[in-house]
C-alpha atoms as a PDB file:
ATOM      1  CA  MET A   1      10.164 -15.910  -1.067  1.00  0.00           C
ATOM      2  CA  GLU A   2      10.312 -17.573  -4.636  1.00  0.00           C
ATOM      3  CA  PRO A   3      11.732 -15.677  -7.162  1.00  0.00           C
ATOM      4  CA  GLY A   4       9.029 -15.750  -9.421  1.00  0.00           C
ATOM      5  CA  ASN A   5       6.241 -14.731  -7.679  1.00  0.00           C
ATOM      6  CA  GLU A   6       8.428 -11.574  -6.410  1.00  0.00           C
ATOM      7  CA  ASN A   7       9.466 -10.564 -10.080  1.00  0.00           C
ATOM      8  CA  GLU A   8       4.828 -10.530 -10.370  1.00  0.00           C
ATOM      9  CA  LEU A   9       4.244  -8.087  -7.245  1.00  0.00           C
ATOM     10  CA  TYR A  10       7.178  -6.357  -8.538  1.00  0.00           C
ATOM     11  CA  ARG A  11       6.077  -6.166 -12.414  1.00  0.00           C
ATOM     12  CA  GLN A  12       2.339  -4.567 -11.232  1.00  0.00           C
ATOM     13  CA  LEU A  13       3.777  -1.679  -8.858  1.00  0.00           C
ATOM     14  CA  VAL A  14       5.781  -1.444 -12.626  1.00  0.00           C
ATOM     15  CA  SER A  15       2.853  -1.359 -13.892  1.00  0.00           C
ATOM     16  CA  HIS A  16       0.792   0.688 -11.874  1.00  0.00           C
ATOM     17  CA  TRP A  17       3.838   3.362 -11.558  1.00  0.00           C
ATOM     18  CA  GLU A  18       4.242   3.446 -15.407  1.00  0.00           C
ATOM     19  CA  GLN A  19       0.296   3.910 -15.913  1.00  0.00           C
ATOM     20  CA  VAL A  20      -0.141   6.613 -13.490  1.00  0.00           C
ATOM     21  CA  GLU A  21       4.199   8.185 -14.433  1.00  0.00           C
ATOM     22  CA  GLY A  22       2.392  12.101 -16.315  1.00  0.00           C
ATOM     23  CA  GLN A  23       0.706  12.685 -12.868  1.00  0.00           C
ATOM     24  CA  ALA A  24       3.730  11.348 -10.404  1.00  0.00           C
ATOM     25  CA  GLY A  25       5.414  14.921  -9.317  1.00  0.00           C
ATOM     26  CA  MET A  26       8.668  13.856  -7.934  1.00  0.00           C
ATOM     27  CA  LEU A  27       7.525  10.463  -6.842  1.00  0.00           C
ATOM     28  CA  THR A  28       9.938   8.113  -8.397  1.00  0.00           C
ATOM     29  CA  PHE A  29      10.245   4.580  -9.223  1.00  0.00           C
ATOM     30  CA  ASN A  30      12.693   4.123  -6.659  1.00  0.00           C
ATOM     31  CA  GLN A  31      10.587   5.102  -3.868  1.00  0.00           C
ATOM     32  CA  TYR A  32       7.889   2.338  -4.517  1.00  0.00           C
ATOM     33  CA  ARG A  33      10.656   0.025  -5.178  1.00  0.00           C
ATOM     34  CA  MET A  34      11.971   0.781  -1.881  1.00  0.00           C
ATOM     35  CA  ALA A  35       9.014   0.143  -0.024  1.00  0.00           C
ATOM     36  CA  PHE A  36       8.253  -3.093  -2.025  1.00  0.00           C
ATOM     37  CA  VAL A  37      11.561  -3.884  -0.609  1.00  0.00           C
ATOM     38  CA  GLU A  38      11.315  -3.019   2.632  1.00  0.00           C
ATOM     39  CA  LEU A  39       7.560  -4.739   2.379  1.00  0.00           C
ATOM     40  CA  GLN A  40       9.043  -8.789   1.353  1.00  0.00           C
ATOM     41  CA  ALA A  41      11.533  -8.197   4.485  1.00  0.00           C
ATOM     42  CA  LEU A  42       9.147  -7.927   6.604  1.00  0.00           C
ATOM     43  CA  THR A  43       6.438  -9.968   6.421  1.00  0.00           C
ATOM     44  CA  HIS A  44       8.755 -13.278   4.793  1.00  0.00           C
ATOM     45  CA  HIS A  45       5.933 -14.213   3.272  1.00  0.00           C
ATOM     46  CA  ILE A  46       5.172 -14.168  -0.475  1.00  0.00           C
ATOM     47  CA  ASP A  47       1.035 -14.392   0.120  1.00  0.00           C
ATOM     48  CA  ARG A  48       0.781 -11.698   2.540  1.00  0.00           C
ATOM     49  CA  THR A  49       3.294  -9.649   0.534  1.00  0.00           C
ATOM     50  CA  LYS A  50       1.138 -10.146  -2.404  1.00  0.00           C
ATOM     51  CA  ALA A  51      -1.865 -10.071  -0.559  1.00  0.00           C
ATOM     52  CA  ILE A  52      -1.136  -6.424   0.090  1.00  0.00           C
ATOM     53  CA  VAL A  53       0.325  -4.553  -2.603  1.00  0.00           C
ATOM     54  CA  GLU A  54      -2.399  -6.406  -4.551  1.00  0.00           C
ATOM     55  CA  GLY A  55      -4.496  -4.784  -1.856  1.00  0.00           C
ATOM     56  CA  VAL A  56      -3.115  -1.135  -1.837  1.00  0.00           C
ATOM     57  CA  ILE A  57      -2.921  -1.413  -6.008  1.00  0.00           C
ATOM     58  CA  ARG A  58      -6.397  -2.712  -6.593  1.00  0.00           C
ATOM     59  CA  GLN A  59      -7.725   0.419  -3.626  1.00  0.00           C
ATOM     60  CA  ALA A  60      -5.753   3.013  -5.935  1.00  0.00           C
ATOM     61  CA  SER A  61      -6.978   1.596  -9.082  1.00  0.00           C
ATOM     62  CA  GLN A  62     -10.957   1.748  -8.039  1.00  0.00           C
ATOM     63  CA  LEU A  63     -10.897   5.017  -6.253  1.00  0.00           C
ATOM     64  CA  GLY A  64      -8.934   6.462  -8.819  1.00  0.00           C
ATOM     65  CA  ARG A  65      -5.970   7.404  -5.789  1.00  0.00           C
ATOM     66  CA  SER A  66      -2.423   9.729  -7.452  1.00  0.00           C
ATOM     67  CA  PRO A  67       0.931   7.508  -6.795  1.00  0.00           C
ATOM     68  CA  GLU A  68       1.832   9.622  -4.082  1.00  0.00           C
ATOM     69  CA  TRP A  69      -1.437   8.010  -2.186  1.00  0.00           C
ATOM     70  CA  LEU A  70       0.211   4.203  -2.960  1.00  0.00           C
ATOM     71  CA  LEU A  71       2.900   4.323  -1.979  1.00  0.00           C
ATOM     72  CA  GLY A  72       1.336   6.243   1.447  1.00  0.00           C
ATOM     73  CA  GLU A  73      -0.694   3.420   1.669  1.00  0.00           C
ATOM     74  CA  LEU A  74       2.266   1.177   1.385  1.00  0.00           C
ATOM     75  CA  LEU A  75       4.492   3.048   3.908  1.00  0.00           C
ATOM     76  CA  PHE A  76       1.529   2.374   5.974  1.00  0.00           C
ATOM     77  CA  GLU A  77       1.196  -1.346   5.325  1.00  0.00           C
ATOM     78  CA  ILE A  78       5.004  -1.752   5.826  1.00  0.00           C
ATOM     79  CA  GLN A  79       4.214   0.323   9.455  1.00  0.00           C
ATOM     80  CA  ALA A  80       1.135  -1.976  10.131  1.00  0.00           C
ATOM     81  CA  GLU A  81       3.483  -5.134   9.313  1.00  0.00           C
ATOM     82  CA  ARG A  82       6.227  -3.923  11.148  1.00  0.00           C
ATOM     83  CA  LEU A  83       3.903  -3.266  14.729  1.00  0.00           C
ATOM     84  CA  GLY A  84       2.115  -7.237  14.144  1.00  0.00           C
ATOM     85  CA  ASN A  85      -1.174  -5.079  14.905  1.00  0.00           C
ATOM     86  CA  ARG A  86      -2.670  -3.884  12.081  1.00  0.00           C
ATOM     87  CA  GLN A  87      -5.925  -2.889  14.067  1.00  0.00           C
ATOM     88  CA  GLU A  88      -4.129  -0.877  16.456  1.00  0.00           C
ATOM     89  CA  TRP A  89      -2.232   1.062  14.178  1.00  0.00           C
ATOM     90  CA  LEU A  90      -5.371   1.886  12.504  1.00  0.00           C
ATOM     91  CA  ARG A  91      -6.536   3.124  15.997  1.00  0.00           C
ATOM     92  CA  THR A  92      -3.141   5.202  16.196  1.00  0.00           C
ATOM     93  CA  GLU A  93      -3.287   6.789  12.717  1.00  0.00           C
ATOM     94  CA  LEU A  94      -6.741   7.505  12.858  1.00  0.00           C
ATOM     95  CA  ALA A  95      -6.615   9.433  16.638  1.00  0.00           C
ATOM     96  CA  SER A  96      -3.259  11.465  15.538  1.00  0.00           C
ATOM     97  CA  GLU A  97      -5.913  12.744  12.756  1.00  0.00           C
ATOM     98  CA  GLN A  98      -7.425  15.998  13.408  1.00  0.00           C
ATOM     99  CA  ALA A  99     -10.733  14.483  13.053  1.00  0.00           C
ATOM    100  CA  SER A 100     -12.535  15.581   9.483  1.00  0.00           C
ATOM    101  CA  ASP A 101     -14.445  13.823   7.138  1.00  0.00           C
ATOM    102  CA  ASP A 102     -11.087  12.909   5.000  1.00  0.00           C
ATOM    103  CA  SER A 103      -9.168  11.412   8.199  1.00  0.00           C
ATOM    104  CA  LEU A 104     -11.994   9.319   8.663  1.00  0.00           C
ATOM    105  CA  ASN A 105     -12.433   8.368   5.054  1.00  0.00           C
ATOM    106  CA  LEU A 106      -9.204   7.703   5.165  1.00  0.00           C
ATOM    107  CA  TYR A 107      -9.583   5.487   8.501  1.00  0.00           C
ATOM    108  CA  ASN A 108     -12.461   3.699   6.242  1.00  0.00           C
ATOM    109  CA  GLU A 109     -10.957   2.553   3.149  1.00  0.00           C
ATOM    110  CA  ARG A 110      -7.881   1.341   5.050  1.00  0.00           C
ATOM    111  CA  LEU A 111     -10.519  -0.846   7.214  1.00  0.00           C
ATOM    112  CA  ASN A 112     -11.861  -1.994   4.343  1.00  0.00           C
ATOM    113  CA  ARG A 113      -9.369  -2.312   2.083  1.00  0.00           C
ATOM    114  CA  PHE A 114      -8.924  -5.995   2.097  1.00  0.00           C
ATOM    115  CA  ASP A 115     -12.105  -7.143   2.182  1.00  0.00           C
ATOM    116  CA  SER A 116     -13.112  -5.323  -1.434  1.00  0.00           C
ATOM    117  CA  PRO A 117     -13.616  -8.503  -4.461  1.00  0.00           C
ATOM    118  CA  ALA A 118     -10.656  -8.199  -6.450  1.00  0.00           C
END
């Protein structure tokens, strides 16, 4: 991964964290950083890492989601990368949740995360 691109993605996470720091509760920036490092290690590809990080940040901003939500979604994407099949992981996560409007909404948010315009 090119250092300049890695630094830009890292700055995006810092920027988002700073914007919502007041509502971050017990979430620390180190948790964001560790998720970023793990994702970067899994993808080994700057464009893939960038698409995931920017997609999650964009969606969190558009939906007014909390820092905890953003971190949870980064962790979801990390697991999807680890398994190598995002669609299967989406179905597995949905099946493991109790059927509710919230679980279906989250499924749809995840399903459409990378389809939304920048």
